[in-house]
């Protein structure tokens, strides 16, 4: 569905406001709405993951997290910047891999499954986009993702499968279809 990225970022900020604890959050919406064809729920989860990481790695009291949206050249870019410890160049690829975590410093450990950025990468790529990080150790990180403003180029939308007019989460088909014996109707409460 067509989704306004400003709305998704504003909802992410609002939903996570209890976690800010002494960190400043700045989001300046773009002058004009930036929309993409996407599954709203999935892109919201990407924003929440990036925002949660920024909160986790930005110190309380004096920490600053900035969120931004830009559109250029047929792409919409969402950026989540923090002033945390940063990511060294040799670790930038690893953090997007399954269970890819890096040690920040001796004695500082963070509790995590190491799957959040992997999910973000898979979700963004499934929408025809890309994700990355610009960072300098000790100076913070700028995580970003880009999506085509008109949806994935390789996925033409036929009139029969047009996205809904609102930016509601898309219904995805179940990967498993039940097979019921003809003599036993499926239970009424089971939805597929």
C-alpha atoms as a PDB file:
ATOM      1  CA  UNK A   1       0.000   0.000   0.000  1.00  0.00           C
ATOM      2  CA  UNK A   2       1.085   3.590  -0.401  1.00  0.00           C
ATOM      3  CA  UNK A   3       2.632   4.700   2.906  1.00  0.00           C
ATOM      4  CA  UNK A   4       3.641   8.141   4.136  1.00  0.00           C
ATOM      5  CA  UNK A   5       7.077   7.685   5.718  1.00  0.00           C
ATOM      6  CA  UNK A   6       6.623  10.692   8.034  1.00  0.00           C
ATOM      7  CA  UNK A   7       3.607   9.013   9.610  1.00  0.00           C
ATOM      8  CA  UNK A   8       5.557   5.797  10.151  1.00  0.00           C
ATOM      9  CA  UNK A   9       8.463   7.653  11.815  1.00  0.00           C
ATOM     10  CA  UNK A  10       6.132   9.743  13.993  1.00  0.00           C
ATOM     11  CA  UNK A  11       4.311   6.591  15.154  1.00  0.00           C
ATOM     12  CA  UNK A  12       7.641   4.892  15.903  1.00  0.00           C
ATOM     13  CA  UNK A  13       8.798   7.842  17.988  1.00  0.00           C
ATOM     14  CA  UNK A  14       5.484   8.039  19.830  1.00  0.00           C
ATOM     15  CA  UNK A  15       5.382   4.294  20.501  1.00  0.00           C
ATOM     16  CA  UNK A  16       8.890   4.236  21.943  1.00  0.00           C
ATOM     17  CA  UNK A  17       8.836   7.528  23.857  1.00  0.00           C
ATOM     18  CA  UNK A  18       8.952   5.768  27.237  1.00  0.00           C
ATOM     19  CA  UNK A  19      12.429   4.437  26.339  1.00  0.00           C
ATOM     20  CA  UNK A  20      14.032   7.811  25.586  1.00  0.00           C
ATOM     21  CA  UNK A  21      15.054   8.466  29.241  1.00  0.00           C
ATOM     22  CA  UNK A  22      17.209  11.574  28.954  1.00  0.00           C
ATOM     23  CA  UNK A  23      17.947  11.270  25.253  1.00  0.00           C
ATOM     24  CA  UNK A  24      16.866  13.971  22.850  1.00  0.00           C
ATOM     25  CA  UNK A  25      14.952  12.865  19.752  1.00  0.00           C
ATOM     26  CA  UNK A  26      14.758  15.206  16.744  1.00  0.00           C
ATOM     27  CA  UNK A  27      12.619  14.573  13.699  1.00  0.00           C
ATOM     28  CA  UNK A  28      11.998  17.264  11.136  1.00  0.00           C
ATOM     29  CA  UNK A  29       9.469  16.029   8.582  1.00  0.00           C
ATOM     30  CA  UNK A  30      10.180  16.754   4.915  1.00  0.00           C
ATOM     31  CA  UNK A  31       8.432  19.747   3.338  1.00  0.00           C
ATOM     32  CA  UNK A  32       6.332  17.467   1.133  1.00  0.00           C
ATOM     33  CA  UNK A  33       5.043  13.989   2.016  1.00  0.00           C
ATOM     34  CA  UNK A  34       7.319  11.154   0.901  1.00  0.00           C
ATOM     35  CA  UNK A  35       5.379   7.997   0.111  1.00  0.00           C
ATOM     36  CA  UNK A  36       6.427   4.509  -0.894  1.00  0.00           C
ATOM     37  CA  UNK A  37       4.564   1.351  -1.882  1.00  0.00           C
ATOM     38  CA  UNK A  38       5.262  -0.941   1.036  1.00  0.00           C
ATOM     39  CA  UNK A  39       3.883  -3.153   3.746  1.00  0.00           C
ATOM     40  CA  UNK A  40       3.338  -0.580   6.481  1.00  0.00           C
ATOM     41  CA  UNK A  41       3.708  -3.042   9.349  1.00  0.00           C
ATOM     42  CA  UNK A  42       7.039  -4.364   8.087  1.00  0.00           C
ATOM     43  CA  UNK A  43       8.522  -0.909   7.414  1.00  0.00           C
ATOM     44  CA  UNK A  44       7.292   0.197  10.860  1.00  0.00           C
ATOM     45  CA  UNK A  45       9.240  -2.711  12.381  1.00  0.00           C
ATOM     46  CA  UNK A  46      12.358  -1.650  10.479  1.00  0.00           C
ATOM     47  CA  UNK A  47      12.022   1.889  11.875  1.00  0.00           C
ATOM     48  CA  UNK A  48      11.398   0.538  15.392  1.00  0.00           C
ATOM     49  CA  UNK A  49      14.476  -1.717  15.199  1.00  0.00           C
ATOM     50  CA  UNK A  50      16.722   1.123  14.037  1.00  0.00           C
ATOM     51  CA  UNK A  51      15.291   3.474  16.666  1.00  0.00           C
ATOM     52  CA  UNK A  52      15.675   0.835  19.421  1.00  0.00           C
ATOM     53  CA  UNK A  53      19.337   0.348  18.459  1.00  0.00           C
ATOM     54  CA  UNK A  54      19.922   4.105  18.496  1.00  0.00           C
ATOM     55  CA  UNK A  55      18.362   4.300  21.970  1.00  0.00           C
ATOM     56  CA  UNK A  56      20.402   1.338  23.209  1.00  0.00           C
ATOM     57  CA  UNK A  57      23.725   2.762  22.026  1.00  0.00           C
ATOM     58  CA  UNK A  58      23.147   6.441  22.850  1.00  0.00           C
ATOM     59  CA  UNK A  59      24.030   7.493  26.368  1.00  0.00           C
ATOM     60  CA  UNK A  60      21.409   8.887  28.718  1.00  0.00           C
ATOM     61  CA  UNK A  61      21.774  12.585  29.457  1.00  0.00           C
ATOM     62  CA  UNK A  62      23.243  14.315  26.435  1.00  0.00           C
ATOM     63  CA  UNK A  63      22.390  11.624  23.930  1.00  0.00           C
ATOM     64  CA  UNK A  64      20.935  12.805  20.638  1.00  0.00           C
ATOM     65  CA  UNK A  65      19.021  10.770  18.068  1.00  0.00           C
ATOM     66  CA  UNK A  66      17.995  12.374  14.780  1.00  0.00           C
ATOM     67  CA  UNK A  67      15.561  10.962  12.267  1.00  0.00           C
ATOM     68  CA  UNK A  68      15.196  12.198   8.721  1.00  0.00           C
ATOM     69  CA  UNK A  69      13.583  11.481   5.378  1.00  0.00           C
ATOM     70  CA  UNK A  70      14.858  12.572   1.977  1.00  0.00           C
ATOM     71  CA  UNK A  71      13.609  11.830  -1.517  1.00  0.00           C
ATOM     72  CA  UNK A  72      15.795  12.079  -4.611  1.00  0.00           C
ATOM     73  CA  UNK A  73      16.329  10.156  -7.823  1.00  0.00           C
ATOM     74  CA  UNK A  74      13.286   7.925  -7.354  1.00  0.00           C
ATOM     75  CA  UNK A  75      14.394   6.807  -3.882  1.00  0.00           C
ATOM     76  CA  UNK A  76      13.202   7.654  -0.391  1.00  0.00           C
ATOM     77  CA  UNK A  77      15.907   7.529   2.286  1.00  0.00           C
ATOM     78  CA  UNK A  78      15.110   7.181   5.988  1.00  0.00           C
ATOM     79  CA  UNK A  79      18.003   7.950   8.347  1.00  0.00           C
ATOM     80  CA  UNK A  80      18.376   7.260  12.080  1.00  0.00           C
ATOM     81  CA  UNK A  81      21.492   8.933  13.520  1.00  0.00           C
ATOM     82  CA  UNK A  82      22.897   8.648  17.024  1.00  0.00           C
ATOM     83  CA  UNK A  83      25.890  10.009  18.902  1.00  0.00           C
ATOM     84  CA  UNK A  84      26.804   6.652  20.423  1.00  0.00           C
ATOM     85  CA  UNK A  85      30.078   4.726  20.172  1.00  0.00           C
ATOM     86  CA  UNK A  86      29.872   4.182  16.408  1.00  0.00           C
ATOM     87  CA  UNK A  87      30.728   1.109  14.361  1.00  0.00           C
ATOM     88  CA  UNK A  88      34.273   0.436  13.199  1.00  0.00           C
ATOM     89  CA  UNK A  89      34.657  -0.140   9.407  1.00  0.00           C
ATOM     90  CA  UNK A  90      35.640  -3.794   9.860  1.00  0.00           C
ATOM     91  CA  UNK A  91      32.334  -4.517  11.646  1.00  0.00           C
ATOM     92  CA  UNK A  92      29.867  -2.765   9.323  1.00  0.00           C
ATOM     93  CA  UNK A  93      29.010  -5.804   7.211  1.00  0.00           C
ATOM     94  CA  UNK A  94      28.924  -8.216  10.140  1.00  0.00           C
ATOM     95  CA  UNK A  95      26.181  -6.353  12.007  1.00  0.00           C
ATOM     96  CA  UNK A  96      23.690  -7.071   9.193  1.00  0.00           C
ATOM     97  CA  UNK A  97      24.406 -10.833   9.306  1.00  0.00           C
ATOM     98  CA  UNK A  98      22.482 -13.350  11.432  1.00  0.00           C
ATOM     99  CA  UNK A  99      23.708 -13.233  15.015  1.00  0.00           C
ATOM    100  CA  UNK A 100      26.253 -10.632  13.946  1.00  0.00           C
ATOM    101  CA  UNK A 101      27.213  -8.653  17.008  1.00  0.00           C
ATOM    102  CA  UNK A 102      30.346  -6.736  17.815  1.00  0.00           C
ATOM    103  CA  UNK A 103      31.911  -6.095  21.170  1.00  0.00           C
ATOM    104  CA  UNK A 104      31.724  -2.396  21.939  1.00  0.00           C
ATOM    105  CA  UNK A 105      34.404  -2.226  24.585  1.00  0.00           C
ATOM    106  CA  UNK A 106      35.896  -4.408  27.260  1.00  0.00           C
ATOM    107  CA  UNK A 107      33.379  -4.813  30.033  1.00  0.00           C
ATOM    108  CA  UNK A 108      30.378  -3.413  28.119  1.00  0.00           C
ATOM    109  CA  UNK A 109      27.956  -6.023  26.939  1.00  0.00           C
ATOM    110  CA  UNK A 110      24.546  -5.543  25.407  1.00  0.00           C
ATOM    111  CA  UNK A 111      21.757  -8.097  25.574  1.00  0.00           C
ATOM    112  CA  UNK A 112      20.579  -8.928  22.061  1.00  0.00           C
ATOM    113  CA  UNK A 113      19.760 -11.813  19.749  1.00  0.00           C
ATOM    114  CA  UNK A 114      21.740 -10.310  16.873  1.00  0.00           C
ATOM    115  CA  UNK A 115      18.763 -10.641  14.519  1.00  0.00           C
ATOM    116  CA  UNK A 116      17.296  -7.108  14.444  1.00  0.00           C
ATOM    117  CA  UNK A 117      19.492  -5.679  11.698  1.00  0.00           C
ATOM    118  CA  UNK A 118      19.275  -8.952   9.759  1.00  0.00           C
ATOM    119  CA  UNK A 119      15.491  -8.599   9.776  1.00  0.00           C
ATOM    120  CA  UNK A 120      15.831  -4.964   8.663  1.00  0.00           C
ATOM    121  CA  UNK A 121      18.101  -5.944   5.771  1.00  0.00           C
ATOM    122  CA  UNK A 122      15.789  -8.732   4.583  1.00  0.00           C
ATOM    123  CA  UNK A 123      12.673  -6.548   4.915  1.00  0.00           C
ATOM    124  CA  UNK A 124      14.155  -3.590   3.059  1.00  0.00           C
ATOM    125  CA  UNK A 125      15.582  -5.779   0.291  1.00  0.00           C
ATOM    126  CA  UNK A 126      12.191  -7.519  -0.083  1.00  0.00           C
ATOM    127  CA  UNK A 127      10.764  -4.071  -0.842  1.00  0.00           C
ATOM    128  CA  UNK A 128      13.372  -3.458  -3.566  1.00  0.00           C
ATOM    129  CA  UNK A 129      15.555  -1.275  -1.355  1.00  0.00           C
ATOM    130  CA  UNK A 130      18.873  -1.328   0.416  1.00  0.00           C
ATOM    131  CA  UNK A 131      20.170  -0.600   3.920  1.00  0.00           C
ATOM    132  CA  UNK A 132      23.507   0.529   5.316  1.00  0.00           C
ATOM    133  CA  UNK A 133      25.402   2.427   7.957  1.00  0.00           C
ATOM    134  CA  UNK A 134      27.779   5.372   7.873  1.00  0.00           C
ATOM    135  CA  UNK A 135      29.786   5.544  11.049  1.00  0.00           C
ATOM    136  CA  UNK A 136      33.012   6.464  12.696  1.00  0.00           C
ATOM    137  CA  UNK A 137      34.107   4.723  15.884  1.00  0.00           C
ATOM    138  CA  UNK A 138      33.599   7.057  18.830  1.00  0.00           C
ATOM    139  CA  UNK A 139      31.464   9.539  16.865  1.00  0.00           C
ATOM    140  CA  UNK A 140      28.115   7.827  16.365  1.00  0.00           C
ATOM    141  CA  UNK A 141      26.308   6.050  13.569  1.00  0.00           C
ATOM    142  CA  UNK A 142      23.896   6.923  10.804  1.00  0.00           C
ATOM    143  CA  UNK A 143      21.792   3.909   9.858  1.00  0.00           C
ATOM    144  CA  UNK A 144      19.739   4.380   6.716  1.00  0.00           C
ATOM    145  CA  UNK A 145      17.514   2.534   4.328  1.00  0.00           C
ATOM    146  CA  UNK A 146      16.275   3.417   0.885  1.00  0.00           C
ATOM    147  CA  UNK A 147      13.083   2.332  -0.838  1.00  0.00           C
ATOM    148  CA  UNK A 148      11.880   3.064  -4.350  1.00  0.00           C
ATOM    149  CA  UNK A 149       9.212   5.773  -4.182  1.00  0.00           C
ATOM    150  CA  UNK A 150       7.075   3.832  -6.654  1.00  0.00           C
ATOM    151  CA  UNK A 151       7.605   0.384  -5.119  1.00  0.00           C
ATOM    152  CA  UNK A 152       9.960  -2.403  -6.249  1.00  0.00           C
ATOM    153  CA  UNK A 153      10.759  -1.973  -9.943  1.00  0.00           C
ATOM    154  CA  UNK A 154      10.720  -5.704 -10.651  1.00  0.00           C
ATOM    155  CA  UNK A 155       7.226  -6.241  -9.240  1.00  0.00           C
ATOM    156  CA  UNK A 156       4.516  -4.967 -11.568  1.00  0.00           C
ATOM    157  CA  UNK A 157       1.116  -4.649  -9.905  1.00  0.00           C
ATOM    158  CA  UNK A 158      -1.825  -5.988 -11.882  1.00  0.00           C
ATOM    159  CA  UNK A 159      -5.274  -4.426 -11.434  1.00  0.00           C
ATOM    160  CA  UNK A 160      -6.499  -7.618  -9.754  1.00  0.00           C
ATOM    161  CA  UNK A 161      -3.820  -7.342  -7.066  1.00  0.00           C
ATOM    162  CA  UNK A 162      -3.770  -3.579  -6.593  1.00  0.00           C
ATOM    163  CA  UNK A 163      -2.763  -2.473  -3.111  1.00  0.00           C
ATOM    164  CA  UNK A 164      -5.486  -1.058  -0.870  1.00  0.00           C
ATOM    165  CA  UNK A 165      -5.947   2.717  -0.970  1.00  0.00           C
ATOM    166  CA  UNK A 166      -5.015   3.164   2.690  1.00  0.00           C
ATOM    167  CA  UNK A 167      -1.658   2.458   4.224  1.00  0.00           C
ATOM    168  CA  UNK A 168      -2.915  -0.508   6.189  1.00  0.00           C
ATOM    169  CA  UNK A 169      -0.745  -3.593   6.671  1.00  0.00           C
ATOM    170  CA  UNK A 170      -0.903  -5.844   3.667  1.00  0.00           C
ATOM    171  CA  UNK A 171      -2.352  -9.333   4.027  1.00  0.00           C
ATOM    172  CA  UNK A 172       0.238 -11.896   3.197  1.00  0.00           C
ATOM    173  CA  UNK A 173      -0.820 -15.365   2.066  1.00  0.00           C
ATOM    174  CA  UNK A 174      -0.233 -18.196   4.474  1.00  0.00           C
ATOM    175  CA  UNK A 175       2.773 -20.337   3.528  1.00  0.00           C
ATOM    176  CA  UNK A 176       0.796 -23.450   4.559  1.00  0.00           C
ATOM    177  CA  UNK A 177      -2.561 -24.406   3.075  1.00  0.00           C
ATOM    178  CA  UNK A 178      -4.556 -26.877   5.138  1.00  0.00           C
ATOM    179  CA  UNK A 179      -5.750 -30.045   3.484  1.00  0.00           C
ATOM    180  CA  UNK A 180      -8.903 -31.407   5.118  1.00  0.00           C
ATOM    181  CA  UNK A 181     -10.483 -34.764   4.386  1.00  0.00           C
ATOM    182  CA  UNK A 182     -13.782 -34.195   2.582  1.00  0.00           C
ATOM    183  CA  UNK A 183     -15.675 -36.051   5.301  1.00  0.00           C
ATOM    184  CA  UNK A 184     -14.459 -33.589   7.982  1.00  0.00           C
ATOM    185  CA  UNK A 185     -15.188 -29.907   7.476  1.00  0.00           C
ATOM    186  CA  UNK A 186     -12.542 -27.567   8.891  1.00  0.00           C
ATOM    187  CA  UNK A 187     -13.303 -26.076  12.307  1.00  0.00           C
ATOM    188  CA  UNK A 188     -15.256 -22.798  12.094  1.00  0.00           C
ATOM    189  CA  UNK A 189     -12.747 -20.972  14.291  1.00  0.00           C
ATOM    190  CA  UNK A 190      -9.732 -21.826  12.144  1.00  0.00           C
ATOM    191  CA  UNK A 191      -8.765 -19.023   9.771  1.00  0.00           C
ATOM    192  CA  UNK A 192      -6.322 -19.415   6.886  1.00  0.00           C
END
